[in-house]
PDB file of N, CA and C in Angstrom:
ATOM      1  N   UNK A   1      16.557   5.328  -5.929  1.00  0.00           N
ATOM      2  CA  UNK A   1      16.814   4.831  -5.326  1.00  0.00           C
ATOM      3  C   UNK A   1      15.930   5.053  -3.530  1.00  0.00           C
ATOM      4  N   UNK A   2      14.673   5.504  -4.226  1.00  0.00           N
ATOM      5  CA  UNK A   2      13.958   6.143  -3.478  1.00  0.00           C
ATOM      6  C   UNK A   2      12.701   4.844  -2.671  1.00  0.00           C
ATOM      7  N   UNK A   3      12.063   5.373  -1.428  1.00  0.00           N
ATOM      8  CA  UNK A   3      11.057   4.318  -1.222  1.00  0.00           C
ATOM      9  C   UNK A   3      10.080   5.340  -1.226  1.00  0.00           C
ATOM     10  N   UNK A   4       8.920   4.784  -1.961  1.00  0.00           N
ATOM     11  CA  UNK A   4       7.360   5.611  -1.658  1.00  0.00           C
ATOM     12  C   UNK A   4       6.496   4.483  -1.814  1.00  0.00           C
ATOM     13  N   UNK A   5       6.837   3.509  -0.887  1.00  0.00           N
ATOM     14  CA  UNK A   5       5.264   2.404  -1.026  1.00  0.00           C
ATOM     15  C   UNK A   5       3.915   3.013  -0.504  1.00  0.00           C
ATOM     16  N   UNK A   6       3.377   2.528  -1.412  1.00  0.00           N
ATOM     17  CA  UNK A   6       1.988   3.288  -1.230  1.00  0.00           C
ATOM     18  C   UNK A   6       1.711   4.757  -1.710  1.00  0.00           C
ATOM     19  N   UNK A   7       2.533   5.248  -2.211  1.00  0.00           N
ATOM     20  CA  UNK A   7       2.277   6.868  -2.588  1.00  0.00           C
ATOM     21  C   UNK A   7       1.281   6.899  -3.656  1.00  0.00           C
ATOM     22  N   UNK A   8       0.394   7.920  -3.661  1.00  0.00           N
ATOM     23  CA  UNK A   8      -0.681   8.016  -4.295  1.00  0.00           C
ATOM     24  C   UNK A   8      -0.613   9.092  -5.593  1.00  0.00           C
ATOM     25  N   UNK A   9      -0.238   8.925  -6.486  1.00  0.00           N
ATOM     26  CA  UNK A   9       0.095   9.620  -7.944  1.00  0.00           C
ATOM     27  C   UNK A   9      -1.320   9.607  -8.804  1.00  0.00           C
ATOM     28  N   UNK A  10      -2.155   9.506  -8.360  1.00  0.00           N
ATOM     29  CA  UNK A  10      -3.477   9.309  -9.135  1.00  0.00           C
ATOM     30  C   UNK A  10      -3.594  10.503  -9.963  1.00  0.00           C
ATOM     31  N   UNK A  11      -3.963  10.139 -11.526  1.00  0.00           N
ATOM     32  CA  UNK A  11      -4.252  11.381 -12.297  1.00  0.00           C
ATOM     33  C   UNK A  11      -2.839  12.339 -12.595  1.00  0.00           C
ATOM     34  N   UNK A  12      -1.929  11.832 -12.151  1.00  0.00           N
ATOM     35  CA  UNK A  12      -0.449  12.334 -12.176  1.00  0.00           C
ATOM     36  C   UNK A  12      -0.345  12.254 -13.826  1.00  0.00           C
ATOM     37  N   UNK A  13       0.684  13.477 -13.841  1.00  0.00           N
ATOM     38  CA  UNK A  13       1.164  13.364 -15.381  1.00  0.00           C
ATOM     39  C   UNK A  13       2.792  13.042 -15.148  1.00  0.00           C
ATOM     40  N   UNK A  14       3.287  11.992 -15.622  1.00  0.00           N
ATOM     41  CA  UNK A  14       4.913  11.638 -15.430  1.00  0.00           C
ATOM     42  C   UNK A  14       5.689  11.675 -16.255  1.00  0.00           C
ATOM     43  N   UNK A  15       6.289  12.518 -16.784  1.00  0.00           N
ATOM     44  CA  UNK A  15       7.402  12.703 -18.244  1.00  0.00           C
ATOM     45  C   UNK A  15       8.931  12.387 -17.992  1.00  0.00           C
ATOM     46  N   UNK A  16       9.536  12.163 -18.818  1.00  0.00           N
ATOM     47  CA  UNK A  16      11.153  12.086 -18.506  1.00  0.00           C
ATOM     48  C   UNK A  16      11.700  11.556 -17.335  1.00  0.00           C
ATOM     49  N   UNK A  17      10.880  10.439 -16.445  1.00  0.00           N
ATOM     50  CA  UNK A  17      11.405  10.220 -15.407  1.00  0.00           C
ATOM     51  C   UNK A  17      11.837   8.797 -15.302  1.00  0.00           C
ATOM     52  N   UNK A  18      13.184   8.546 -14.524  1.00  0.00           N
ATOM     53  CA  UNK A  18      13.800   7.001 -14.493  1.00  0.00           C
ATOM     54  C   UNK A  18      13.663   7.057 -12.967  1.00  0.00           C
ATOM     55  N   UNK A  19      13.266   5.522 -12.487  1.00  0.00           N
ATOM     56  CA  UNK A  19      13.121   5.359 -11.152  1.00  0.00           C
ATOM     57  C   UNK A  19      14.060   4.179 -11.356  1.00  0.00           C
ATOM     58  N   UNK A  20      15.163   4.078 -10.041  1.00  0.00           N
ATOM     59  CA  UNK A  20      16.072   2.933 -10.535  1.00  0.00           C
ATOM     60  C   UNK A  20      16.280   2.746  -8.941  1.00  0.00           C
ATOM     61  N   UNK A  21      15.841   1.228  -8.847  1.00  0.00           N
ATOM     62  CA  UNK A  21      16.380   0.689  -7.383  1.00  0.00           C
ATOM     63  C   UNK A  21      15.411   1.278  -6.373  1.00  0.00           C
ATOM     64  N   UNK A  22      13.794   1.622  -6.994  1.00  0.00           N
ATOM     65  CA  UNK A  22      13.084   2.056  -6.187  1.00  0.00           C
ATOM     66  C   UNK A  22      11.948   1.371  -5.115  1.00  0.00           C
ATOM     67  N   UNK A  23      11.539   1.647  -4.340  1.00  0.00           N
ATOM     68  CA  UNK A  23      10.462   0.852  -3.626  1.00  0.00           C
ATOM     69  C   UNK A  23       9.082   1.115  -3.770  1.00  0.00           C
ATOM     70  N   UNK A  24       8.125   0.909  -4.741  1.00  0.00           N
ATOM     71  CA  UNK A  24       7.171   1.775  -4.903  1.00  0.00           C
ATOM     72  C   UNK A  24       5.670   0.516  -4.980  1.00  0.00           C
ATOM     73  N   UNK A  25       5.710  -0.437  -4.069  1.00  0.00           N
ATOM     74  CA  UNK A  25       4.813  -1.256  -3.802  1.00  0.00           C
ATOM     75  C   UNK A  25       3.479  -0.629  -3.714  1.00  0.00           C
ATOM     76  N   UNK A  26       2.453  -1.351  -4.079  1.00  0.00           N
ATOM     77  CA  UNK A  26       1.086  -0.741  -3.457  1.00  0.00           C
ATOM     78  C   UNK A  26       0.860   0.811  -4.530  1.00  0.00           C
ATOM     79  N   UNK A  27       1.693   1.515  -4.797  1.00  0.00           N
ATOM     80  CA  UNK A  27       1.575   2.966  -5.460  1.00  0.00           C
ATOM     81  C   UNK A  27       0.508   2.891  -6.548  1.00  0.00           C
ATOM     82  N   UNK A  28      -0.119   4.035  -5.915  1.00  0.00           N
ATOM     83  CA  UNK A  28      -1.597   4.296  -6.833  1.00  0.00           C
ATOM     84  C   UNK A  28      -1.695   5.068  -7.841  1.00  0.00           C
ATOM     85  N   UNK A  29      -1.296   4.395  -9.119  1.00  0.00           N
ATOM     86  CA  UNK A  29      -1.278   5.283 -10.368  1.00  0.00           C
ATOM     87  C   UNK A  29      -2.259   5.230 -11.482  1.00  0.00           C
ATOM     88  N   UNK A  30      -3.321   5.304 -10.814  1.00  0.00           N
ATOM     89  CA  UNK A  30      -4.761   5.134 -11.505  1.00  0.00           C
ATOM     90  C   UNK A  30      -4.900   6.237 -12.352  1.00  0.00           C
ATOM     91  N   UNK A  31      -5.237   6.518 -13.516  1.00  0.00           N
ATOM     92  CA  UNK A  31      -5.624   7.217 -14.270  1.00  0.00           C
ATOM     93  C   UNK A  31      -4.344   8.361 -14.442  1.00  0.00           C
ATOM     94  N   UNK A  32      -3.126   7.746 -14.231  1.00  0.00           N
ATOM     95  CA  UNK A  32      -2.060   8.611 -14.673  1.00  0.00           C
ATOM     96  C   UNK A  32      -1.744   8.493 -15.697  1.00  0.00           C
ATOM     97  N   UNK A  33      -0.897  10.030 -16.558  1.00  0.00           N
ATOM     98  CA  UNK A  33      -0.166   9.142 -17.998  1.00  0.00           C
ATOM     99  C   UNK A  33       1.702   9.364 -17.752  1.00  0.00           C
ATOM    100  N   UNK A  34       2.122   8.295 -17.914  1.00  0.00           N
ATOM    101  CA  UNK A  34       3.202   7.934 -18.233  1.00  0.00           C
ATOM    102  C   UNK A  34       4.197   8.120 -19.461  1.00  0.00           C
ATOM    103  N   UNK A  35       4.827   9.225 -19.683  1.00  0.00           N
ATOM    104  CA  UNK A  35       5.472   9.118 -20.833  1.00  0.00           C
ATOM    105  C   UNK A  35       6.998   8.946 -20.815  1.00  0.00           C
ATOM    106  N   UNK A  36       7.523   8.268 -21.602  1.00  0.00           N
ATOM    107  CA  UNK A  36       9.119   8.257 -21.727  1.00  0.00           C
ATOM    108  C   UNK A  36      10.084   8.069 -19.914  1.00  0.00           C
ATOM    109  N   UNK A  37       9.048   6.820 -19.472  1.00  0.00           N
ATOM    110  CA  UNK A  37       9.367   6.600 -18.183  1.00  0.00           C
ATOM    111  C   UNK A  37      10.280   5.051 -17.927  1.00  0.00           C
ATOM    112  N   UNK A  38      11.261   5.320 -16.896  1.00  0.00           N
ATOM    113  CA  UNK A  38      11.878   3.260 -16.931  1.00  0.00           C
ATOM    114  C   UNK A  38      11.656   3.718 -16.103  1.00  0.00           C
ATOM    115  N   UNK A  39      11.110   2.517 -15.415  1.00  0.00           N
ATOM    116  CA  UNK A  39      11.669   1.806 -14.351  1.00  0.00           C
ATOM    117  C   UNK A  39      12.386   0.605 -13.928  1.00  0.00           C
ATOM    118  N   UNK A  40      13.322   0.804 -13.475  1.00  0.00           N
ATOM    119  CA  UNK A  40      14.987  -0.024 -13.566  1.00  0.00           C
ATOM    120  C   UNK A  40      15.227  -0.639 -12.297  1.00  0.00           C
ATOM    121  N   UNK A  41      15.079  -1.987 -11.892  1.00  0.00           N
ATOM    122  CA  UNK A  41      15.376  -2.836 -10.603  1.00  0.00           C
ATOM    123  C   UNK A  41      14.424  -2.007  -9.801  1.00  0.00           C
ATOM    124  N   UNK A  42      13.017  -2.036  -9.978  1.00  0.00           N
ATOM    125  CA  UNK A  42      11.968  -1.169  -8.878  1.00  0.00           C
ATOM    126  C   UNK A  42      11.008  -2.378  -8.657  1.00  0.00           C
ATOM    127  N   UNK A  43      10.662  -1.927  -6.998  1.00  0.00           N
ATOM    128  CA  UNK A  43       9.584  -2.870  -6.494  1.00  0.00           C
ATOM    129  C   UNK A  43       8.249  -2.525  -6.863  1.00  0.00           C
ATOM    130  N   UNK A  44       7.736  -2.851  -7.605  1.00  0.00           N
ATOM    131  CA  UNK A  44       6.111  -2.505  -8.059  1.00  0.00           C
ATOM    132  C   UNK A  44       4.876  -3.500  -7.655  1.00  0.00           C
ATOM    133  N   UNK A  45       5.201  -4.156  -6.735  1.00  0.00           N
ATOM    134  CA  UNK A  45       4.235  -5.302  -6.413  1.00  0.00           C
ATOM    135  C   UNK A  45       3.017  -4.762  -6.028  1.00  0.00           C
ATOM    136  N   UNK A  46       2.101  -5.073  -6.270  1.00  0.00           N
ATOM    137  CA  UNK A  46       0.583  -4.643  -5.883  1.00  0.00           C
ATOM    138  C   UNK A  46       0.163  -3.091  -6.492  1.00  0.00           C
ATOM    139  N   UNK A  47       1.196  -2.671  -7.193  1.00  0.00           N
ATOM    140  CA  UNK A  47       1.157  -0.927  -8.057  1.00  0.00           C
ATOM    141  C   UNK A  47      -0.326  -1.285  -8.864  1.00  0.00           C
ATOM    142  N   UNK A  48      -1.107  -0.366  -8.537  1.00  0.00           N
ATOM    143  CA  UNK A  48      -2.241   0.061  -9.498  1.00  0.00           C
ATOM    144  C   UNK A  48      -2.328   0.867 -10.402  1.00  0.00           C
ATOM    145  N   UNK A  49      -2.365   0.420 -11.755  1.00  0.00           N
ATOM    146  CA  UNK A  49      -2.055   1.329 -12.761  1.00  0.00           C
ATOM    147  C   UNK A  49      -3.304   1.113 -13.650  1.00  0.00           C
ATOM    148  N   UNK A  50      -4.738   1.061 -12.986  1.00  0.00           N
ATOM    149  CA  UNK A  50      -5.839   0.882 -13.392  1.00  0.00           C
ATOM    150  C   UNK A  50      -5.887   2.363 -14.171  1.00  0.00           C
ATOM    151  N   UNK A  51      -6.660   2.458 -15.245  1.00  0.00           N
ATOM    152  CA  UNK A  51      -6.825   3.144 -16.193  1.00  0.00           C
ATOM    153  C   UNK A  51      -5.454   4.108 -16.999  1.00  0.00           C
ATOM    154  N   UNK A  52      -4.578   3.581 -16.543  1.00  0.00           N
ATOM    155  CA  UNK A  52      -3.332   4.756 -16.770  1.00  0.00           C
ATOM    156  C   UNK A  52      -3.160   4.397 -18.235  1.00  0.00           C
ATOM    157  N   UNK A  53      -2.163   5.628 -18.946  1.00  0.00           N
ATOM    158  CA  UNK A  53      -1.936   5.739 -20.112  1.00  0.00           C
ATOM    159  C   UNK A  53      -0.304   5.262 -19.642  1.00  0.00           C
ATOM    160  N   UNK A  54       0.083   4.684 -20.881  1.00  0.00           N
ATOM    161  CA  UNK A  54       1.519   4.285 -20.460  1.00  0.00           C
ATOM    162  C   UNK A  54       2.357   4.192 -22.105  1.00  0.00           C
ATOM    163  N   UNK A  55       3.073   5.465 -22.034  1.00  0.00           N
ATOM    164  CA  UNK A  55       3.708   5.704 -23.916  1.00  0.00           C
ATOM    165  C   UNK A  55       5.169   5.438 -23.877  1.00  0.00           C
ATOM    166  N   UNK A  56       5.740   4.499 -24.321  1.00  0.00           N
ATOM    167  CA  UNK A  56       6.962   4.850 -24.046  1.00  0.00           C
ATOM    168  C   UNK A  56       7.594   4.274 -22.613  1.00  0.00           C
ATOM    169  N   UNK A  57       7.449   3.627 -22.055  1.00  0.00           N
ATOM    170  CA  UNK A  57       7.743   3.284 -20.663  1.00  0.00           C
ATOM    171  C   UNK A  57       8.355   1.823 -20.636  1.00  0.00           C
ATOM    172  N   UNK A  58       9.472   1.714 -19.835  1.00  0.00           N
ATOM    173  CA  UNK A  58       9.931   0.340 -20.000  1.00  0.00           C
ATOM    174  C   UNK A  58      10.135  -0.244 -18.256  1.00  0.00           C
ATOM    175  N   UNK A  59       9.710  -1.257 -18.546  1.00  0.00           N
ATOM    176  CA  UNK A  59       9.877  -1.577 -16.862  1.00  0.00           C
ATOM    177  C   UNK A  59      10.669  -2.750 -17.411  1.00  0.00           C
ATOM    178  N   UNK A  60      12.547  -2.708 -16.657  1.00  0.00           N
ATOM    179  CA  UNK A  60      13.362  -3.352 -16.449  1.00  0.00           C
ATOM    180  C   UNK A  60      13.681  -4.452 -15.195  1.00  0.00           C
ATOM    181  N   UNK A  61      13.731  -5.551 -14.974  1.00  0.00           N
ATOM    182  CA  UNK A  61      14.174  -6.450 -14.168  1.00  0.00           C
ATOM    183  C   UNK A  61      13.299  -5.574 -12.641  1.00  0.00           C
ATOM    184  N   UNK A  62      11.988  -5.409 -12.890  1.00  0.00           N
ATOM    185  CA  UNK A  62      10.832  -4.977 -11.744  1.00  0.00           C
ATOM    186  C   UNK A  62      10.280  -5.987 -11.312  1.00  0.00           C
ATOM    187  N   UNK A  63       9.569  -6.012 -10.187  1.00  0.00           N
ATOM    188  CA  UNK A  63       8.813  -6.562  -9.508  1.00  0.00           C
ATOM    189  C   UNK A  63       7.696  -6.090 -10.077  1.00  0.00           C
ATOM    190  N   UNK A  64       6.547  -6.742 -10.545  1.00  0.00           N
ATOM    191  CA  UNK A  64       4.971  -6.488 -10.755  1.00  0.00           C
ATOM    192  C   UNK A  64       4.205  -7.163 -10.639  1.00  0.00           C
ATOM    193  N   UNK A  65       4.608  -8.193  -9.615  1.00  0.00           N
ATOM    194  CA  UNK A  65       3.277  -9.329  -9.084  1.00  0.00           C
ATOM    195  C   UNK A  65       2.264  -8.351  -8.316  1.00  0.00           C
ATOM    196  N   UNK A  66       1.394  -9.283  -8.581  1.00  0.00           N
ATOM    197  CA  UNK A  66      -0.161  -8.640  -8.552  1.00  0.00           C
ATOM    198  C   UNK A  66      -0.255  -7.128  -8.677  1.00  0.00           C
ATOM    199  N   UNK A  67       0.319  -6.049  -9.597  1.00  0.00           N
ATOM    200  CA  UNK A  67       0.205  -5.298  -9.984  1.00  0.00           C
ATOM    201  C   UNK A  67      -1.443  -5.047 -11.071  1.00  0.00           C
ATOM    202  N   UNK A  68      -1.871  -3.839 -10.905  1.00  0.00           N
ATOM    203  CA  UNK A  68      -3.603  -4.031 -11.443  1.00  0.00           C
ATOM    204  C   UNK A  68      -2.751  -3.072 -12.749  1.00  0.00           C
ATOM    205  N   UNK A  69      -3.796  -3.845 -14.009  1.00  0.00           N
ATOM    206  CA  UNK A  69      -3.599  -2.864 -15.367  1.00  0.00           C
ATOM    207  C   UNK A  69      -4.646  -2.868 -15.734  1.00  0.00           C
ATOM    208  N   UNK A  70      -6.007  -2.929 -15.440  1.00  0.00           N
ATOM    209  CA  UNK A  70      -7.024  -3.334 -15.963  1.00  0.00           C
ATOM    210  C   UNK A  70      -7.586  -1.310 -16.772  1.00  0.00           C
ATOM    211  N   UNK A  71      -7.889  -1.483 -17.647  1.00  0.00           N
ATOM    212  CA  UNK A  71      -8.153  -0.525 -18.643  1.00  0.00           C
ATOM    213  C   UNK A  71      -6.837   0.536 -18.808  1.00  0.00           C
ATOM    214  N   UNK A  72      -5.984  -0.027 -18.701  1.00  0.00           N
ATOM    215  CA  UNK A  72      -4.725   1.177 -18.907  1.00  0.00           C
ATOM    216  C   UNK A  72      -4.223   0.704 -20.339  1.00  0.00           C
ATOM    217  N   UNK A  73      -3.731   1.812 -20.862  1.00  0.00           N
ATOM    218  CA  UNK A  73      -3.780   1.873 -22.453  1.00  0.00           C
ATOM    219  C   UNK A  73      -2.066   1.810 -22.446  1.00  0.00           C
ATOM    220  N   UNK A  74      -1.217   0.664 -23.341  1.00  0.00           N
ATOM    221  CA  UNK A  74       0.103   1.209 -23.450  1.00  0.00           C
ATOM    222  C   UNK A  74       0.850   1.202 -24.943  1.00  0.00           C
ATOM    223  N   UNK A  75       1.637   2.010 -25.256  1.00  0.00           N
ATOM    224  CA  UNK A  75       1.582   2.053 -26.307  1.00  0.00           C
ATOM    225  C   UNK A  75       2.947   2.041 -26.341  1.00  0.00           C
ATOM    226  N   UNK A  76       4.327   1.476 -26.903  1.00  0.00           N
ATOM    227  CA  UNK A  76       5.695   1.397 -27.133  1.00  0.00           C
ATOM    228  C   UNK A  76       5.981   0.907 -25.687  1.00  0.00           C
ATOM    229  N   UNK A  77       5.446   0.206 -24.860  1.00  0.00           N
ATOM    230  CA  UNK A  77       6.199  -0.408 -23.804  1.00  0.00           C
ATOM    231  C   UNK A  77       6.516  -1.672 -23.623  1.00  0.00           C
ATOM    232  N   UNK A  78       7.707  -1.785 -22.872  1.00  0.00           N
ATOM    233  CA  UNK A  78       8.291  -2.479 -22.865  1.00  0.00           C
ATOM    234  C   UNK A  78       8.655  -3.216 -21.241  1.00  0.00           C
ATOM    235  N   UNK A  79       8.858  -4.746 -21.294  1.00  0.00           N
ATOM    236  CA  UNK A  79       8.890  -5.471 -20.249  1.00  0.00           C
ATOM    237  C   UNK A  79       9.755  -6.466 -20.375  1.00  0.00           C
ATOM    238  N   UNK A  80      11.292  -6.522 -19.229  1.00  0.00           N
ATOM    239  CA  UNK A  80      11.668  -7.240 -19.600  1.00  0.00           C
ATOM    240  C   UNK A  80      12.540  -7.600 -18.421  1.00  0.00           C
ATOM    241  N   UNK A  81      12.788  -8.894 -17.997  1.00  0.00           N
ATOM    242  CA  UNK A  81      13.949  -9.370 -16.900  1.00  0.00           C
ATOM    243  C   UNK A  81      12.462  -9.037 -15.803  1.00  0.00           C
ATOM    244  N   UNK A  82      11.175  -8.898 -15.759  1.00  0.00           N
ATOM    245  CA  UNK A  82      10.247  -8.995 -14.574  1.00  0.00           C
ATOM    246  C   UNK A  82       9.917 -10.144 -13.879  1.00  0.00           C
ATOM    247  N   UNK A  83       9.302  -9.511 -12.580  1.00  0.00           N
ATOM    248  CA  UNK A  83       8.617 -10.844 -12.076  1.00  0.00           C
ATOM    249  C   UNK A  83       6.752 -10.734 -12.531  1.00  0.00           C
ATOM    250  N   UNK A  84       6.150 -11.530 -12.975  1.00  0.00           N
ATOM    251  CA  UNK A  84       4.659 -10.873 -13.865  1.00  0.00           C
ATOM    252  C   UNK A  84       3.732 -12.143 -12.902  1.00  0.00           C
ATOM    253  N   UNK A  85       4.162 -12.746 -11.469  1.00  0.00           N
ATOM    254  CA  UNK A  85       2.980 -13.611 -11.088  1.00  0.00           C
ATOM    255  C   UNK A  85       1.924 -13.150 -10.333  1.00  0.00           C
ATOM    256  N   UNK A  86       0.637 -12.783 -10.776  1.00  0.00           N
ATOM    257  CA  UNK A  86      -0.715 -13.126 -10.717  1.00  0.00           C
ATOM    258  C   UNK A  86      -1.024 -11.373 -10.736  1.00  0.00           C
ATOM    259  N   UNK A  87      -0.171 -11.159 -11.614  1.00  0.00           N
ATOM    260  CA  UNK A  87      -0.100  -9.865 -12.794  1.00  0.00           C
ATOM    261  C   UNK A  87      -1.959  -9.786 -13.074  1.00  0.00           C
ATOM    262  N   UNK A  88      -2.819  -8.344 -12.632  1.00  0.00           N
ATOM    263  CA  UNK A  88      -4.135  -8.308 -13.363  1.00  0.00           C
ATOM    264  C   UNK A  88      -4.343  -7.610 -14.288  1.00  0.00           C
ATOM    265  N   UNK A  89      -5.432  -8.045 -15.270  1.00  0.00           N
ATOM    266  CA  UNK A  89      -4.911  -7.305 -16.408  1.00  0.00           C
ATOM    267  C   UNK A  89      -4.254  -7.508 -17.283  1.00  0.00           C
ATOM    268  N   UNK A  90      -4.004  -8.775 -17.340  1.00  0.00           N
ATOM    269  CA  UNK A  90      -2.749  -8.927 -18.367  1.00  0.00           C
ATOM    270  C   UNK A  90      -2.921  -8.805 -19.913  1.00  0.00           C
ATOM    271  N   UNK A  91      -4.063  -8.498 -20.250  1.00  0.00           N
ATOM    272  CA  UNK A  91      -4.794  -8.251 -21.627  1.00  0.00           C
ATOM    273  C   UNK A  91      -4.232  -7.042 -21.961  1.00  0.00           C
ATOM    274  N   UNK A  92      -3.964  -6.144 -21.082  1.00  0.00           N
ATOM    275  CA  UNK A  92      -3.732  -4.952 -21.417  1.00  0.00           C
ATOM    276  C   UNK A  92      -2.370  -4.448 -21.723  1.00  0.00           C
ATOM    277  N   UNK A  93      -1.698  -5.724 -21.969  1.00  0.00           N
ATOM    278  CA  UNK A  93      -0.118  -5.621 -22.160  1.00  0.00           C
ATOM    279  C   UNK A  93      -0.186  -5.743 -24.059  1.00  0.00           C
ATOM    280  N   UNK A  94      -1.154  -5.959 -24.551  1.00  0.00           N
ATOM    281  CA  UNK A  94      -1.321  -5.581 -26.057  1.00  0.00           C
ATOM    282  C   UNK A  94      -0.715  -4.592 -26.710  1.00  0.00           C
ATOM    283  N   UNK A  95       0.009  -5.016 -27.372  1.00  0.00           N
ATOM    284  CA  UNK A  95       1.157  -4.335 -28.019  1.00  0.00           C
ATOM    285  C   UNK A  95       2.565  -4.230 -27.130  1.00  0.00           C
ATOM    286  N   UNK A  96       2.515  -4.359 -26.194  1.00  0.00           N
ATOM    287  CA  UNK A  96       3.601  -4.298 -25.625  1.00  0.00           C
ATOM    288  C   UNK A  96       4.916  -5.590 -26.121  1.00  0.00           C
ATOM    289  N   UNK A  97       5.682  -4.845 -25.942  1.00  0.00           N
ATOM    290  CA  UNK A  97       7.274  -6.057 -25.887  1.00  0.00           C
ATOM    291  C   UNK A  97       7.540  -6.634 -24.889  1.00  0.00           C
ATOM    292  N   UNK A  98       7.506  -7.842 -24.226  1.00  0.00           N
ATOM    293  CA  UNK A  98       8.317  -8.647 -23.474  1.00  0.00           C
ATOM    294  C   UNK A  98       9.260  -9.554 -23.847  1.00  0.00           C
ATOM    295  N   UNK A  99      10.210 -10.148 -22.797  1.00  0.00           N
ATOM    296  CA  UNK A  99      11.123 -11.147 -23.598  1.00  0.00           C
ATOM    297  C   UNK A  99      10.558 -12.331 -23.059  1.00  0.00           C
ATOM    298  N   UNK A 100      11.345 -13.273 -23.621  1.00  0.00           N
ATOM    299  CA  UNK A 100      10.814 -14.890 -23.271  1.00  0.00           C
ATOM    300  C   UNK A 100      11.122 -15.423 -22.104  1.00  0.00           C
ATOM    301  N   UNK A 101      11.675 -14.677 -20.835  1.00  0.00           N
ATOM    302  CA  UNK A 101      11.938 -14.631 -19.348  1.00  0.00           C
ATOM    303  C   UNK A 101      10.303 -14.557 -18.622  1.00  0.00           C
ATOM    304  N   UNK A 102       9.309 -13.760 -19.669  1.00  0.00           N
ATOM    305  CA  UNK A 102       8.186 -12.983 -19.040  1.00  0.00           C
ATOM    306  C   UNK A 102       6.745 -14.281 -19.634  1.00  0.00           C
ATOM    307  N   UNK A 103       7.364 -15.037 -20.602  1.00  0.00           N
ATOM    308  CA  UNK A 103       6.243 -15.685 -21.429  1.00  0.00           C
ATOM    309  C   UNK A 103       5.501 -16.708 -20.659  1.00  0.00           C
ATOM    310  N   UNK A 104       5.723 -17.493 -19.578  1.00  0.00           N
ATOM    311  CA  UNK A 104       5.257 -18.162 -18.872  1.00  0.00           C
ATOM    312  C   UNK A 104       4.400 -17.531 -17.563  1.00  0.00           C
ATOM    313  N   UNK A 105       5.066 -16.855 -17.061  1.00  0.00           N
ATOM    314  CA  UNK A 105       3.999 -16.201 -15.868  1.00  0.00           C
ATOM    315  C   UNK A 105       3.156 -15.125 -16.417  1.00  0.00           C
ATOM    316  N   UNK A 106       3.215 -14.439 -17.477  1.00  0.00           N
ATOM    317  CA  UNK A 106       2.562 -13.922 -18.425  1.00  0.00           C
ATOM    318  C   UNK A 106       1.123 -14.734 -19.007  1.00  0.00           C
ATOM    319  N   UNK A 107       1.772 -15.934 -19.584  1.00  0.00           N
ATOM    320  CA  UNK A 107       0.992 -17.024 -19.984  1.00  0.00           C
ATOM    321  C   UNK A 107      -0.440 -17.298 -19.031  1.00  0.00           C
ATOM    322  N   UNK A 108       0.262 -17.574 -17.603  1.00  0.00           N
ATOM    323  CA  UNK A 108      -0.942 -17.827 -16.857  1.00  0.00           C
ATOM    324  C   UNK A 108      -1.456 -16.486 -16.118  1.00  0.00           C
ATOM    325  N   UNK A 109      -1.193 -15.821 -16.275  1.00  0.00           N
ATOM    326  CA  UNK A 109      -1.924 -14.338 -16.176  1.00  0.00           C
ATOM    327  C   UNK A 109      -3.076 -14.303 -16.940  1.00  0.00           C
ATOM    328  N   UNK A 110      -2.612 -14.525 -18.052  1.00  0.00           N
ATOM    329  CA  UNK A 110      -3.896 -14.521 -19.051  1.00  0.00           C
ATOM    330  C   UNK A 110      -4.709 -15.615 -19.060  1.00  0.00           C
ATOM    331  N   UNK A 111      -4.395 -16.624 -18.790  1.00  0.00           N
ATOM    332  CA  UNK A 111      -5.222 -17.924 -18.608  1.00  0.00           C
ATOM    333  C   UNK A 111      -5.900 -17.731 -17.185  1.00  0.00           C
ATOM    334  N   UNK A 112      -5.767 -17.383 -16.414  1.00  0.00           N
ATOM    335  CA  UNK A 112      -6.473 -16.560 -15.182  1.00  0.00           C
ATOM    336  C   UNK A 112      -7.643 -16.056 -15.853  1.00  0.00           C
ATOM    337  N   UNK A 113      -6.906 -15.020 -16.359  1.00  0.00           N
ATOM    338  CA  UNK A 113      -7.911 -13.757 -16.776  1.00  0.00           C
ATOM    339  C   UNK A 113      -8.888 -13.869 -17.496  1.00  0.00           C
ATOM    340  N   UNK A 114      -8.676 -15.140 -18.792  1.00  0.00           N
ATOM    341  CA  UNK A 114      -9.515 -15.528 -19.647  1.00  0.00           C
ATOM    342  C   UNK A 114     -10.576 -16.802 -18.964  1.00  0.00           C
ATOM    343  N   UNK A 115     -10.037 -16.901 -17.610  1.00  0.00           N
ATOM    344  CA  UNK A 115     -10.834 -18.353 -16.772  1.00  0.00           C
ATOM    345  C   UNK A 115     -10.684 -19.202 -17.819  1.00  0.00           C
ATOM    346  N   UNK A 116      -9.597 -19.669 -17.995  1.00  0.00           N
ATOM    347  CA  UNK A 116      -9.159 -20.973 -18.721  1.00  0.00           C
ATOM    348  C   UNK A 116      -8.353 -21.638 -17.787  1.00  0.00           C
ATOM    349  N   UNK A 117      -8.685 -23.168 -17.474  1.00  0.00           N
ATOM    350  CA  UNK A 117      -8.140 -24.038 -16.734  1.00  0.00           C
ATOM    351  C   UNK A 117      -6.958 -24.866 -17.557  1.00  0.00           C
ATOM    352  N   UNK A 118      -6.063 -25.171 -16.569  1.00  0.00           N
ATOM    353  CA  UNK A 118      -5.141 -26.103 -17.207  1.00  0.00           C
ATOM    354  C   UNK A 118      -5.140 -27.332 -16.494  1.00  0.00           C
ATOM    355  N   UNK A 119      -5.361 -28.180 -17.364  1.00  0.00           N
ATOM    356  CA  UNK A 119      -5.109 -29.798 -16.867  1.00  0.00           C
ATOM    357  C   UNK A 119      -4.275 -30.708 -17.368  1.00  0.00           C
ATOM    358  N   UNK A 120      -3.838 -31.285 -16.499  1.00  0.00           N
ATOM    359  CA  UNK A 120      -2.570 -32.226 -16.923  1.00  0.00           C
ATOM    360  C   UNK A 120      -3.310 -33.593 -16.964  1.00  0.00           C
TER     361      UNK A 120
END
């Protein structure tokens, strides 16, 4: 239940940590290494995970809108019940597990990243 909006944790190593009901908007986690980390009911809108390595990380019911994932590497990452609108670097979720609720927002982010237009 912490509040760390705008926290700078670039190049940090975060292991075996559970964040519950935390506010981490605009957090800078660039090039960090996260191992066995759980984010549960957290606000991570606009968080920057550029170049980060995520291994066995879970995002459960988190706000990841406008989060940045470019050059991130994910292994055994799980995304469930999260807000993904405007997610940047969505292709970096390759190999992750998502739930059906993330399907449409993630598809829209992927289409935007691939510069594919949707026309009715």
